[in-house]
Protein backbone atom coordinates (compact mmCIF):
# COMPACT_ATOMS: atom_id res chain seq x y z
CA MET A 1 -21.13 -43.39 -19.98
CA LYS A 2 -18.19 -46.58 -20.68
CA ILE A 3 -19.10 -48.54 -24.10
CA THR A 4 -17.55 -51.82 -25.26
CA ILE A 5 -17.88 -52.50 -28.60
CA ILE A 6 -17.09 -56.51 -29.08
CA SER A 7 -16.22 -57.86 -32.78
CA PRO A 8 -15.89 -61.35 -32.47
CA GLU A 9 -12.92 -63.08 -34.32
CA ILE A 10 -11.69 -60.13 -35.94
CA TYR A 11 -12.48 -56.24 -35.95
CA THR A 12 -14.15 -55.39 -38.74
CA TYR A 13 -14.28 -51.93 -40.68
CA GLY A 14 -17.85 -50.95 -39.15
CA SER A 15 -16.68 -51.70 -35.67
CA MET A 16 -14.02 -49.23 -35.64
CA VAL A 17 -15.45 -46.77 -37.52
CA ILE A 18 -18.64 -46.66 -34.51
CA GLY A 19 -16.30 -46.43 -32.06
CA GLY A 20 -14.16 -43.70 -33.56
CA VAL A 21 -17.78 -41.72 -33.96
CA LEU A 22 -18.33 -42.56 -30.53
CA ARG A 23 -15.31 -41.38 -28.86
CA ASP A 24 -15.42 -38.23 -30.62
CA ALA A 25 -18.97 -38.00 -29.11
CA GLY A 26 -17.67 -38.46 -25.75
CA PHE A 27 -17.92 -41.78 -24.58
CA ASP A 28 -15.56 -43.91 -23.35
CA VAL A 29 -15.04 -46.41 -26.17
CA LYS A 30 -13.19 -49.78 -25.65
CA LEU A 31 -12.98 -52.30 -29.14
CA THR A 32 -12.31 -55.99 -27.94
CA ARG A 33 -13.05 -59.23 -29.59
CA ARG A 34 -13.45 -61.01 -26.45
CA LEU A 35 -16.91 -62.16 -25.36
CA ASN A 36 -16.46 -60.19 -21.31
CA ALA A 37 -17.15 -56.91 -20.79
CA ASP A 38 -16.77 -54.02 -17.54
CA THR A 39 -18.70 -51.70 -19.14
CA ASP A 40 -22.52 -49.96 -18.90
CA THR A 41 -23.34 -50.69 -22.61
CA ILE A 42 -22.45 -53.48 -25.00
CA LEU A 43 -22.33 -53.18 -28.71
CA LEU A 44 -22.29 -56.47 -30.72
CA SER A 45 -20.81 -56.33 -34.02
CA LEU A 46 -21.99 -59.42 -35.74
CA TYR A 47 -20.93 -59.79 -39.70
CA SER A 48 -22.79 -63.19 -39.87
CA THR A 49 -25.69 -64.74 -39.16
CA LEU A 50 -23.79 -67.96 -38.31
CA HIS A 51 -22.69 -65.69 -34.96
CA LEU A 52 -26.29 -66.16 -33.85
CA LEU A 53 -25.85 -69.93 -33.63
CA ASP A 54 -22.66 -69.71 -31.76
CA ASP A 55 -22.83 -71.03 -28.55
CA ARG A 56 -20.19 -68.73 -26.95
CA ILE A 57 -22.21 -65.39 -28.11
CA ARG A 58 -25.13 -66.64 -27.04
CA ASP A 59 -24.25 -67.70 -23.60
CA PHE A 60 -22.22 -64.42 -23.29
CA VAL A 61 -26.12 -62.58 -24.34
CA SER A 62 -28.14 -64.73 -21.98
CA GLN A 63 -25.79 -64.04 -18.68
CA SER A 64 -25.26 -60.63 -19.09
CA ASP A 65 -27.08 -58.27 -17.48
CA LYS A 66 -25.70 -55.26 -19.57
CA THR A 67 -27.70 -53.22 -22.08
CA ILE A 68 -26.87 -55.18 -25.64
CA TYR A 69 -27.36 -53.54 -29.17
CA VAL A 70 -26.48 -55.35 -32.26
CA GLY A 71 -25.24 -53.98 -35.52
CA GLY A 72 -23.50 -55.02 -38.64
CA PRO A 73 -24.64 -56.71 -41.58
CA VAL A 74 -26.65 -58.91 -39.60
CA SER A 75 -28.96 -55.66 -38.92
CA ALA A 76 -30.19 -56.70 -42.18
CA TYR A 77 -32.23 -59.04 -40.48
CA PRO A 78 -33.68 -57.96 -37.25
CA GLU A 79 -36.46 -59.88 -36.57
CA ILE A 80 -33.81 -63.25 -37.22
CA VAL A 81 -31.54 -61.49 -34.81
CA LEU A 82 -34.10 -60.68 -32.01
CA GLY A 83 -35.54 -63.93 -32.52
CA GLU A 84 -32.26 -66.06 -31.71
CA LEU A 85 -30.47 -63.51 -29.16
CA ASP A 86 -31.96 -62.04 -26.06
CA VAL A 87 -30.34 -58.17 -27.03
CA ASP A 88 -32.00 -55.15 -26.12
CA ALA A 89 -31.90 -53.60 -29.43
CA VAL A 90 -30.45 -54.14 -33.44
CA ILE A 91 -28.85 -51.14 -34.78
CA ILE A 92 -30.22 -50.77 -38.48
CA GLY A 93 -28.25 -49.70 -41.30
CA GLU A 94 -25.43 -46.94 -41.47
CA GLY A 95 -24.98 -46.56 -37.11
CA GLU A 96 -22.75 -43.49 -37.03
CA GLU A 97 -25.56 -41.24 -36.37
CA SER A 98 -28.08 -43.43 -34.90
CA THR A 99 -25.85 -45.64 -32.51
CA VAL A 100 -25.11 -41.97 -30.90
CA GLU A 101 -28.72 -40.85 -30.78
CA LEU A 102 -29.48 -44.35 -29.38
CA LEU A 103 -26.64 -44.17 -26.52
CA ASN A 104 -27.56 -40.52 -25.76
CA SER A 105 -31.74 -40.67 -25.95
CA GLY A 106 -32.02 -44.54 -25.09
CA ILE A 107 -35.31 -46.65 -27.03
CA SER A 108 -38.38 -44.88 -27.38
CA GLU A 109 -41.39 -47.43 -27.05
């Protein structure tokens, strides 16, 4: 499975750690700052709730037909993230284990 981790503006430590963990788990991982992706699944690493108001991010998410998960510091406010962005899920807390499990198993209802 091809996974693209998008970390707008800067590469955060967390996005690099998650990328390494996913690569070690056998995923084909790309880390980028650009809001585009030829991939199966997008992990959007957001470090500020101000990103939720960024029109570039909002437009990218609304126009994408890919599965999109949000992680990073904004995951402390999952209700706000889900209220502002039409994403598939918010990865809460430390994502090293939960992200691999989510990508392998999908979302349970």
